[in-house]
Full PDB file with SEQRES, HELIX, SHEET, SSBOND, CRYST1, ORIGX, SCALE, CONECT and MASTER records, all heavy atoms in Angstrom:
SEQRES   1 A   34  GLN ASN VAL LEU ASN GLU GLN GLY ILE THR TYR GLY ILE          
SEQRES   2 A   34  ASP THR GLU ALA ILE GLN ASN PHE CYS GLU LYS ARG LEU          
SEQRES   3 A   34  PHE TYR SER GLU LEU THR ALA ALA                              
HELIX    1 AA1 ASN A    2  GLU A    6  1                                   5    
HELIX    2 AA2 THR A   15  GLU A   23  1                                   9    
CRYST1    1.000    1.000    1.000  90.00  90.00  90.00 P 1           1          
ORIGX1      1.000000  0.000000  0.000000        0.00000                         
ORIGX2      0.000000  1.000000  0.000000        0.00000                         
ORIGX3      0.000000  0.000000  1.000000        0.00000                         
SCALE1      1.000000  0.000000  0.000000        0.00000                         
SCALE2      0.000000  1.000000  0.000000        0.00000                         
SCALE3      0.000000  0.000000  1.000000        0.00000                         
ATOM      1  N   GLN A   1      76.889  32.621 144.054  1.00  0.00           N  
ATOM      2  CA  GLN A   1      77.387  31.252 144.090  1.00  0.00           C  
ATOM      3  C   GLN A   1      77.369  30.684 145.502  1.00  0.00           C  
ATOM      4  O   GLN A   1      77.095  29.497 145.710  1.00  0.00           O  
ATOM      5  CB  GLN A   1      78.802  31.203 143.509  1.00  0.00           C  
ATOM      6  CG  GLN A   1      78.843  31.429 142.002  1.00  0.00           C  
ATOM      7  CD  GLN A   1      80.240  31.439 141.436  1.00  0.00           C  
ATOM      8  OE1 GLN A   1      81.200  31.775 142.144  1.00  0.00           O  
ATOM      9  NE2 GLN A   1      80.361  31.102 140.161  1.00  0.00           N  
ATOM     10  N   ASN A   2      77.638  31.535 146.487  1.00  0.00           N  
ATOM     11  CA  ASN A   2      77.587  31.071 147.878  1.00  0.00           C  
ATOM     12  C   ASN A   2      76.177  30.648 148.260  1.00  0.00           C  
ATOM     13  O   ASN A   2      75.988  29.633 148.957  1.00  0.00           O  
ATOM     14  CB  ASN A   2      78.070  32.182 148.825  1.00  0.00           C  
ATOM     15  CG  ASN A   2      79.574  32.414 148.716  1.00  0.00           C  
ATOM     16  OD1 ASN A   2      80.314  31.509 148.284  1.00  0.00           O  
ATOM     17  ND2 ASN A   2      80.036  33.591 149.098  1.00  0.00           N  
ATOM     18  N   VAL A   3      75.185  31.418 147.817  1.00  0.00           N  
ATOM     19  CA  VAL A   3      73.792  31.053 148.113  1.00  0.00           C  
ATOM     20  C   VAL A   3      73.455  29.695 147.492  1.00  0.00           C  
ATOM     21  O   VAL A   3      72.815  28.849 148.123  1.00  0.00           O  
ATOM     22  CB  VAL A   3      72.830  32.145 147.596  1.00  0.00           C  
ATOM     23  CG1 VAL A   3      71.383  31.673 147.701  1.00  0.00           C  
ATOM     24  CG2 VAL A   3      73.010  33.430 148.366  1.00  0.00           C  
ATOM     25  N   LEU A   4      73.896  29.488 146.245  1.00  0.00           N  
ATOM     26  CA  LEU A   4      73.638  28.213 145.588  1.00  0.00           C  
ATOM     27  C   LEU A   4      74.332  27.070 146.312  1.00  0.00           C  
ATOM     28  O   LEU A   4      73.746  25.996 146.538  1.00  0.00           O  
ATOM     29  CB  LEU A   4      74.104  28.272 144.122  1.00  0.00           C  
ATOM     30  CG  LEU A   4      73.398  29.278 143.211  1.00  0.00           C  
ATOM     31  CD1 LEU A   4      74.049  29.292 141.831  1.00  0.00           C  
ATOM     32  CD2 LEU A   4      71.903  28.944 143.074  1.00  0.00           C  
ATOM     33  N   ASN A   5      75.583  27.299 146.698  1.00  0.00           N  
ATOM     34  CA  ASN A   5      76.342  26.249 147.386  1.00  0.00           C  
ATOM     35  C   ASN A   5      75.721  25.894 148.725  1.00  0.00           C  
ATOM     36  O   ASN A   5      75.659  24.721 149.119  1.00  0.00           O  
ATOM     37  CB  ASN A   5      77.784  26.693 147.590  1.00  0.00           C  
ATOM     38  CG  ASN A   5      78.540  26.788 146.274  1.00  0.00           C  
ATOM     39  OD1 ASN A   5      78.180  26.111 145.301  1.00  0.00           O  
ATOM     40  ND2 ASN A   5      79.573  27.619 146.215  1.00  0.00           N  
ATOM     41  N   GLU A   6      75.228  26.919 149.430  1.00  0.00           N  
ATOM     42  CA  GLU A   6      74.630  26.680 150.745  1.00  0.00           C  
ATOM     43  C   GLU A   6      73.392  25.783 150.638  1.00  0.00           C  
ATOM     44  O   GLU A   6      73.089  25.034 151.562  1.00  0.00           O  
ATOM     45  CB  GLU A   6      74.235  28.014 151.392  1.00  0.00           C  
ATOM     46  CG  GLU A   6      75.437  28.828 151.871  1.00  0.00           C  
ATOM     47  CD  GLU A   6      75.022  30.230 152.308  1.00  0.00           C  
ATOM     48  OE1 GLU A   6      73.807  30.523 152.244  1.00  0.00           O  
ATOM     49  OE2 GLU A   6      75.902  31.008 152.714  1.00  0.00           O  
ATOM     50  N   GLN A   7      72.696  25.864 149.507  1.00  0.00           N  
ATOM     51  CA  GLN A   7      71.496  25.057 149.323  1.00  0.00           C  
ATOM     52  C   GLN A   7      71.784  23.733 148.598  1.00  0.00           C  
ATOM     53  O   GLN A   7      70.860  22.996 148.269  1.00  0.00           O  
ATOM     54  CB  GLN A   7      70.452  25.852 148.535  1.00  0.00           C  
ATOM     55  CG  GLN A   7      69.965  27.106 149.229  1.00  0.00           C  
ATOM     56  CD  GLN A   7      69.339  26.818 150.573  1.00  0.00           C  
ATOM     57  OE1 GLN A   7      68.583  25.853 150.703  1.00  0.00           O  
ATOM     58  NE2 GLN A   7      69.664  27.628 151.569  1.00  0.00           N  
ATOM     59  N   GLY A   8      73.032  23.443 148.354  1.00  0.00           N  
ATOM     60  CA  GLY A   8      73.402  22.173 147.744  1.00  0.00           C  
ATOM     61  C   GLY A   8      73.208  22.109 146.250  1.00  0.00           C  
ATOM     62  O   GLY A   8      73.136  21.023 145.670  1.00  0.00           O  
ATOM     63  N   ILE A   9      73.097  23.261 145.603  1.00  0.00           N  
ATOM     64  CA  ILE A   9      72.905  23.290 144.147  1.00  0.00           C  
ATOM     65  C   ILE A   9      74.267  23.224 143.471  1.00  0.00           C  
ATOM     66  O   ILE A   9      75.094  24.139 143.610  1.00  0.00           O  
ATOM     67  CB  ILE A   9      72.136  24.545 143.722  1.00  0.00           C  
ATOM     68  CG1 ILE A   9      70.733  24.514 144.334  1.00  0.00           C  
ATOM     69  CG2 ILE A   9      72.052  24.644 142.202  1.00  0.00           C  
ATOM     70  CD1 ILE A   9      69.961  25.775 144.129  1.00  0.00           C  
ATOM     71  N   THR A  10      74.511  22.136 142.765  1.00  0.00           N  
ATOM     72  CA  THR A  10      75.843  21.891 142.204  1.00  0.00           C  
ATOM     73  C   THR A  10      75.836  21.645 140.700  1.00  0.00           C  
ATOM     74  O   THR A  10      76.878  21.721 140.059  1.00  0.00           O  
ATOM     75  CB  THR A  10      76.487  20.674 142.892  1.00  0.00           C  
ATOM     76  OG1 THR A  10      75.630  19.528 142.696  1.00  0.00           O  
ATOM     77  CG2 THR A  10      76.656  20.926 144.389  1.00  0.00           C  
ATOM     78  N   TYR A  11      74.667  21.333 140.131  1.00  0.00           N  
ATOM     79  CA  TYR A  11      74.623  20.937 138.726  1.00  0.00           C  
ATOM     80  C   TYR A  11      73.911  21.997 137.884  1.00  0.00           C  
ATOM     81  O   TYR A  11      72.922  22.579 138.305  1.00  0.00           O  
ATOM     82  CB  TYR A  11      73.891  19.596 138.580  1.00  0.00           C  
ATOM     83  CG  TYR A  11      73.893  19.065 137.169  1.00  0.00           C  
ATOM     84  CD1 TYR A  11      74.986  18.367 136.661  1.00  0.00           C  
ATOM     85  CD2 TYR A  11      72.805  19.292 136.328  1.00  0.00           C  
ATOM     86  CE1 TYR A  11      74.990  17.896 135.363  1.00  0.00           C  
ATOM     87  CE2 TYR A  11      72.793  18.824 135.038  1.00  0.00           C  
ATOM     88  CZ  TYR A  11      73.890  18.123 134.550  1.00  0.00           C  
ATOM     89  OH  TYR A  11      73.895  17.668 133.266  1.00  0.00           O  
ATOM     90  N   GLY A  12      74.452  22.217 136.690  1.00  0.00           N  
ATOM     91  CA  GLY A  12      73.797  23.099 135.727  1.00  0.00           C  
ATOM     92  C   GLY A  12      73.887  24.579 136.062  1.00  0.00           C  
ATOM     93  O   GLY A  12      73.070  25.370 135.572  1.00  0.00           O  
ATOM     94  N   ILE A  13      74.875  24.975 136.898  1.00  0.00           N  
ATOM     95  CA  ILE A  13      75.007  26.389 137.265  1.00  0.00           C  
ATOM     96  C   ILE A  13      75.469  27.186 136.039  1.00  0.00           C  
ATOM     97  O   ILE A  13      76.462  26.854 135.398  1.00  0.00           O  
ATOM     98  CB  ILE A  13      75.993  26.563 138.431  1.00  0.00           C  
ATOM     99  CG1 ILE A  13      75.428  25.870 139.686  1.00  0.00           C  
ATOM    100  CG2 ILE A  13      76.243  28.046 138.712  1.00  0.00           C  
ATOM    101  CD1 ILE A  13      76.365  25.879 140.858  1.00  0.00           C  
ATOM    102  N   ASP A  14      74.752  28.244 135.735  1.00  0.00           N  
ATOM    103  CA  ASP A  14      75.036  29.077 134.567  1.00  0.00           C  
ATOM    104  C   ASP A  14      75.922  30.249 134.992  1.00  0.00           C  
ATOM    105  O   ASP A  14      75.447  31.338 135.307  1.00  0.00           O  
ATOM    106  CB  ASP A  14      73.734  29.586 133.956  1.00  0.00           C  
ATOM    107  CG  ASP A  14      73.941  30.171 132.566  1.00  0.00           C  
ATOM    108  OD1 ASP A  14      75.080  30.552 132.247  1.00  0.00           O  
ATOM    109  OD2 ASP A  14      72.949  30.266 131.815  1.00  0.00           O  
ATOM    110  N   THR A  15      77.241  30.004 135.007  1.00  0.00           N  
ATOM    111  CA  THR A  15      78.205  31.010 135.475  1.00  0.00           C  
ATOM    112  C   THR A  15      78.160  32.265 134.608  1.00  0.00           C  
ATOM    113  O   THR A  15      78.248  33.393 135.116  1.00  0.00           O  
ATOM    114  CB  THR A  15      79.628  30.421 135.467  1.00  0.00           C  
ATOM    115  OG1 THR A  15      79.638  29.225 136.253  1.00  0.00           O  
ATOM    116  CG2 THR A  15      80.626  31.408 136.055  1.00  0.00           C  
ATOM    117  N   GLU A  16      78.025  32.088 133.312  1.00  0.00           N  
ATOM    118  CA  GLU A  16      77.999  33.231 132.408  1.00  0.00           C  
ATOM    119  C   GLU A  16      76.786  34.125 132.674  1.00  0.00           C  
ATOM    120  O   GLU A  16      76.893  35.355 132.695  1.00  0.00           O  
ATOM    121  CB  GLU A  16      77.978  32.743 130.965  1.00  0.00           C  
ATOM    122  CG  GLU A  16      78.003  33.864 129.942  1.00  0.00           C  
ATOM    123  CD  GLU A  16      78.054  33.330 128.525  1.00  0.00           C  
ATOM    124  OE1 GLU A  16      78.272  32.110 128.367  1.00  0.00           O  
ATOM    125  OE2 GLU A  16      77.877  34.129 127.586  1.00  0.00           O  
ATOM    126  N   ALA A  17      75.614  33.493 132.894  1.00  0.00           N  
ATOM    127  CA  ALA A  17      74.410  34.267 133.184  1.00  0.00           C  
ATOM    128  C   ALA A  17      74.544  35.012 134.505  1.00  0.00           C  
ATOM    129  O   ALA A  17      74.086  36.161 134.624  1.00  0.00           O  
ATOM    130  CB  ALA A  17      73.196  33.343 133.215  1.00  0.00           C  
ATOM    131  N   ILE A  18      75.147  34.376 135.506  1.00  0.00           N  
ATOM    132  CA  ILE A  18      75.326  35.025 136.812  1.00  0.00           C  
ATOM    133  C   ILE A  18      76.251  36.233 136.673  1.00  0.00           C  
ATOM    134  O   ILE A  18      75.985  37.321 137.209  1.00  0.00           O  
ATOM    135  CB  ILE A  18      75.888  34.009 137.829  1.00  0.00           C  
ATOM    136  CG1 ILE A  18      74.876  32.888 138.083  1.00  0.00           C  
ATOM    137  CG2 ILE A  18      76.244  34.702 139.143  1.00  0.00           C  
ATOM    138  CD1 ILE A  18      75.398  31.755 138.919  1.00  0.00           C  
ATOM    139  N   GLN A  19      77.337  36.059 135.942  1.00  0.00           N  
ATOM    140  CA  GLN A  19      78.292  37.150 135.756  1.00  0.00           C  
ATOM    141  C   GLN A  19      77.650  38.307 134.998  1.00  0.00           C  
ATOM    142  O   GLN A  19      77.818  39.482 135.369  1.00  0.00           O  
ATOM    143  CB  GLN A  19      79.520  36.627 134.990  1.00  0.00           C  
ATOM    144  CG  GLN A  19      80.653  37.659 134.880  1.00  0.00           C  
ATOM    145  CD  GLN A  19      81.918  37.032 134.303  1.00  0.00           C  
ATOM    146  OE1 GLN A  19      81.961  35.839 134.052  1.00  0.00           O  
ATOM    147  NE2 GLN A  19      82.938  37.848 134.110  1.00  0.00           N  
ATOM    148  N   ASN A  20      76.909  38.002 133.974  1.00  0.00           N  
ATOM    149  CA  ASN A  20      76.220  39.042 133.207  1.00  0.00           C  
ATOM    150  C   ASN A  20      75.193  39.774 134.077  1.00  0.00           C  
ATOM    151  O   ASN A  20      75.036  40.992 134.001  1.00  0.00           O  
ATOM    152  CB  ASN A  20      75.521  38.402 132.003  1.00  0.00           C  
ATOM    153  CG  ASN A  20      74.851  39.428 131.101  1.00  0.00           C  
ATOM    154  OD1 ASN A  20      75.517  40.290 130.532  1.00  0.00           O  
ATOM    155  ND2 ASN A  20      73.539  39.334 130.993  1.00  0.00           N  
ATOM    156  N   PHE A  21      74.504  39.030 134.926  1.00  0.00           N  
ATOM    157  CA  PHE A  21      73.506  39.587 135.831  1.00  0.00           C  
ATOM    158  C   PHE A  21      74.136  40.593 136.782  1.00  0.00           C  
ATOM    159  O   PHE A  21      73.588  41.678 137.018  1.00  0.00           O  
ATOM    160  CB  PHE A  21      72.865  38.430 136.609  1.00  0.00           C  
ATOM    161  CG  PHE A  21      71.801  38.823 137.579  1.00  0.00           C  
ATOM    162  CD1 PHE A  21      70.516  39.117 137.159  1.00  0.00           C  
ATOM    163  CD2 PHE A  21      72.071  38.883 138.947  1.00  0.00           C  
ATOM    164  CE1 PHE A  21      69.523  39.469 138.056  1.00  0.00           C  
ATOM    165  CE2 PHE A  21      71.090  39.232 139.851  1.00  0.00           C  
ATOM    166  CZ  PHE A  21      69.822  39.522 139.413  1.00  0.00           C  
ATOM    167  N   CYS A  22      75.299  40.241 137.331  1.00  0.00           N  
ATOM    168  CA  CYS A  22      75.972  41.122 138.295  1.00  0.00           C  
ATOM    169  C   CYS A  22      76.635  42.324 137.616  1.00  0.00           C  
ATOM    170  O   CYS A  22      76.527  43.462 138.091  1.00  0.00           O  
ATOM    171  CB  CYS A  22      77.008  40.325 139.087  1.00  0.00           C  
ATOM    172  SG  CYS A  22      76.290  39.040 140.134  1.00  0.00           S  
ATOM    173  N   GLU A  23      77.331  42.072 136.501  1.00  0.00           N  
ATOM    174  CA  GLU A  23      78.049  43.154 135.832  1.00  0.00           C  
ATOM    175  C   GLU A  23      77.089  44.206 135.262  1.00  0.00           C  
ATOM    176  O   GLU A  23      77.364  45.417 135.344  1.00  0.00           O  
ATOM    177  CB  GLU A  23      78.922  42.576 134.717  1.00  0.00           C  
ATOM    178  CG  GLU A  23      80.126  41.792 135.229  1.00  0.00           C  
ATOM    179  CD  GLU A  23      80.951  41.210 134.090  1.00  0.00           C  
ATOM    180  OE1 GLU A  23      80.526  41.353 132.917  1.00  0.00           O  
ATOM    181  OE2 GLU A  23      82.020  40.632 134.362  1.00  0.00           O  
ATOM    182  N   LYS A  24      75.980  43.750 134.712  1.00  0.00           N  
ATOM    183  CA  LYS A  24      75.041  44.693 134.096  1.00  0.00           C  
ATOM    184  C   LYS A  24      73.962  45.171 135.069  1.00  0.00           C  
ATOM    185  O   LYS A  24      73.046  45.894 134.683  1.00  0.00           O  
ATOM    186  CB  LYS A  24      74.386  44.036 132.878  1.00  0.00           C  
ATOM    187  CG  LYS A  24      75.373  43.752 131.753  1.00  0.00           C  
ATOM    188  CD  LYS A  24      74.663  43.215 130.520  1.00  0.00           C  
ATOM    189  CE  LYS A  24      75.648  42.979 129.376  1.00  0.00           C  
ATOM    190  NZ  LYS A  24      74.982  42.453 128.171  1.00  0.00           N  
ATOM    191  N   ARG A  25      74.097  44.727 136.333  1.00  0.00           N  
ATOM    192  CA  ARG A  25      73.175  45.156 137.398  1.00  0.00           C  
ATOM    193  C   ARG A  25      71.717  44.952 136.981  1.00  0.00           C  
ATOM    194  O   ARG A  25      70.887  45.845 137.047  1.00  0.00           O  
ATOM    195  CB  ARG A  25      73.421  46.631 137.747  1.00  0.00           C  
ATOM    196  CG  ARG A  25      74.819  46.918 138.275  1.00  0.00           C  
ATOM    197  CD  ARG A  25      75.007  48.392 138.579  1.00  0.00           C  
ATOM    198  NE  ARG A  25      74.039  48.871 139.551  1.00  0.00           N  
ATOM    199  CZ  ARG A  25      74.138  48.743 140.880  1.00  0.00           C  
ATOM    200  NH1 ARG A  25      75.191  48.113 141.401  1.00  0.00           N  
ATOM    201  NH2 ARG A  25      73.192  49.213 141.674  1.00  0.00           N  
ATOM    202  N   LEU A  26      71.420  43.700 136.590  1.00  0.00           N  
ATOM    203  CA  LEU A  26      70.068  43.368 136.159  1.00  0.00           C  
ATOM    204  C   LEU A  26      69.213  42.934 137.347  1.00  0.00           C  
ATOM    205  O   LEU A  26      68.459  41.958 137.298  1.00  0.00           O  
ATOM    206  CB  LEU A  26      70.113  42.251 135.103  1.00  0.00           C  
ATOM    207  CG  LEU A  26      70.971  42.528 133.872  1.00  0.00           C  
ATOM    208  CD1 LEU A  26      71.027  41.305 132.955  1.00  0.00           C  
ATOM    209  CD2 LEU A  26      70.417  43.733 133.113  1.00  0.00           C  
ATOM    210  N   PHE A  27      69.336  43.674 138.436  1.00  0.00           N  
ATOM    211  CA  PHE A  27      68.710  43.250 139.689  1.00  0.00           C  
ATOM    212  C   PHE A  27      67.192  43.411 139.684  1.00  0.00           C  
ATOM    213  O   PHE A  27      66.513  42.923 140.597  1.00  0.00           O  
ATOM    214  CB  PHE A  27      69.328  44.034 140.850  1.00  0.00           C  
ATOM    215  CG  PHE A  27      70.832  43.918 140.919  1.00  0.00           C  
ATOM    216  CD1 PHE A  27      71.625  45.030 141.177  1.00  0.00           C  
ATOM    217  CD2 PHE A  27      71.454  42.703 140.683  1.00  0.00           C  
ATOM    218  CE1 PHE A  27      73.007  44.925 141.220  1.00  0.00           C  
ATOM    219  CE2 PHE A  27      72.834  42.599 140.725  1.00  0.00           C  
ATOM    220  CZ  PHE A  27      73.630  43.710 140.993  1.00  0.00           C  
ATOM    221  N   TYR A  28      66.670  44.112 138.690  1.00  0.00           N  
ATOM    222  CA  TYR A  28      65.223  44.278 138.610  1.00  0.00           C  
ATOM    223  C   TYR A  28      64.547  43.040 138.006  1.00  0.00           C  
ATOM    224  O   TYR A  28      63.334  42.924 138.008  1.00  0.00           O  
ATOM    225  CB  TYR A  28      64.867  45.495 137.754  1.00  0.00           C  
ATOM    226  CG  TYR A  28      65.471  45.445 136.370  1.00  0.00           C  
ATOM    227  CD1 TYR A  28      64.855  44.757 135.332  1.00  0.00           C  
ATOM    228  CD2 TYR A  28      66.692  46.083 136.100  1.00  0.00           C  
ATOM    229  CE1 TYR A  28      65.410  44.692 134.083  1.00  0.00           C  
ATOM    230  CE2 TYR A  28      67.260  46.026 134.848  1.00  0.00           C  
ATOM    231  CZ  TYR A  28      66.618  45.334 133.826  1.00  0.00           C  
ATOM    232  OH  TYR A  28      67.166  45.274 132.588  1.00  0.00           O  
ATOM    233  N   SER A  29      65.333  42.131 137.484  1.00  0.00           N  
ATOM    234  CA  SER A  29      64.778  40.951 136.837  1.00  0.00           C  
ATOM    235  C   SER A  29      65.162  39.693 137.614  1.00  0.00           C  
ATOM    236  O   SER A  29      66.015  39.727 138.501  1.00  0.00           O  
ATOM    237  CB  SER A  29      65.290  40.836 135.396  1.00  0.00           C  
ATOM    238  OG  SER A  29      66.695  40.691 135.386  1.00  0.00           O  
ATOM    239  N   GLU A  30      64.524  38.583 137.264  1.00  0.00           N  
ATOM    240  CA  GLU A  30      64.822  37.310 137.908  1.00  0.00           C  
ATOM    241  C   GLU A  30      65.896  36.582 137.111  1.00  0.00           C  
ATOM    242  O   GLU A  30      65.854  36.507 135.887  1.00  0.00           O  
ATOM    243  CB  GLU A  30      63.547  36.454 137.986  1.00  0.00           C  
ATOM    244  CG  GLU A  30      63.716  35.198 138.804  1.00  0.00           C  
ATOM    245  CD  GLU A  30      62.384  34.472 139.012  1.00  0.00           C  
ATOM    246  OE1 GLU A  30      61.774  34.074 138.007  1.00  0.00           O  
ATOM    247  OE2 GLU A  30      61.955  34.329 140.170  1.00  0.00           O  
ATOM    248  N   LEU A  31      66.861  36.026 137.807  1.00  0.00           N  
ATOM    249  CA  LEU A  31      67.990  35.338 137.184  1.00  0.00           C  
ATOM    250  C   LEU A  31      67.764  33.825 137.227  1.00  0.00           C  
ATOM    251  O   LEU A  31      67.437  33.269 138.288  1.00  0.00           O  
ATOM    252  CB  LEU A  31      69.290  35.687 137.925  1.00  0.00           C  
ATOM    253  CG  LEU A  31      70.514  34.804 137.627  1.00  0.00           C  
ATOM    254  CD1 LEU A  31      70.988  34.994 136.188  1.00  0.00           C  
ATOM    255  CD2 LEU A  31      71.628  35.085 138.625  1.00  0.00           C  
ATOM    256  N   THR A  32      67.903  33.190 136.069  1.00  0.00           N  
ATOM    257  CA  THR A  32      67.931  31.720 136.040  1.00  0.00           C  
ATOM    258  C   THR A  32      69.376  31.309 136.267  1.00  0.00           C  
ATOM    259  O   THR A  32      70.213  31.363 135.378  1.00  0.00           O  
ATOM    260  CB  THR A  32      67.416  31.190 134.690  1.00  0.00           C  
ATOM    261  OG1 THR A  32      66.080  31.653 134.487  1.00  0.00           O  
ATOM    262  CG2 THR A  32      67.420  29.676 134.659  1.00  0.00           C  
ATOM    263  N   ALA A  33      69.652  30.879 137.502  1.00  0.00           N  
ATOM    264  CA  ALA A  33      71.039  30.650 137.908  1.00  0.00           C  
ATOM    265  C   ALA A  33      71.511  29.237 137.628  1.00  0.00           C  
ATOM    266  O   ALA A  33      72.703  29.007 137.459  1.00  0.00           O  
ATOM    267  CB  ALA A  33      71.195  30.962 139.402  1.00  0.00           C  
ATOM    268  N   ALA A  34      70.602  28.294 137.582  1.00  0.00           N  
ATOM    269  CA  ALA A  34      70.986  26.899 137.334  1.00  0.00           C  
ATOM    270  C   ALA A  34      69.828  26.174 136.673  1.00  0.00           C  
ATOM    271  O   ALA A  34      68.662  26.466 136.951  1.00  0.00           O  
ATOM    272  CB  ALA A  34      71.371  26.205 138.637  1.00  0.00           C  
TER     273      ALA A  34                                                      
MASTER        0    0    0    2    0    0    0    6  272    1    0    3          
END                                                                             
């Protein structure tokens, strides 16, 4: 979220997808964050 905020991304942020990405450690894949 800090990375998104730093770049001025404020609309359409998918909080649930971000949380799932971090909790399930899906770091091998690309995340659609917003």
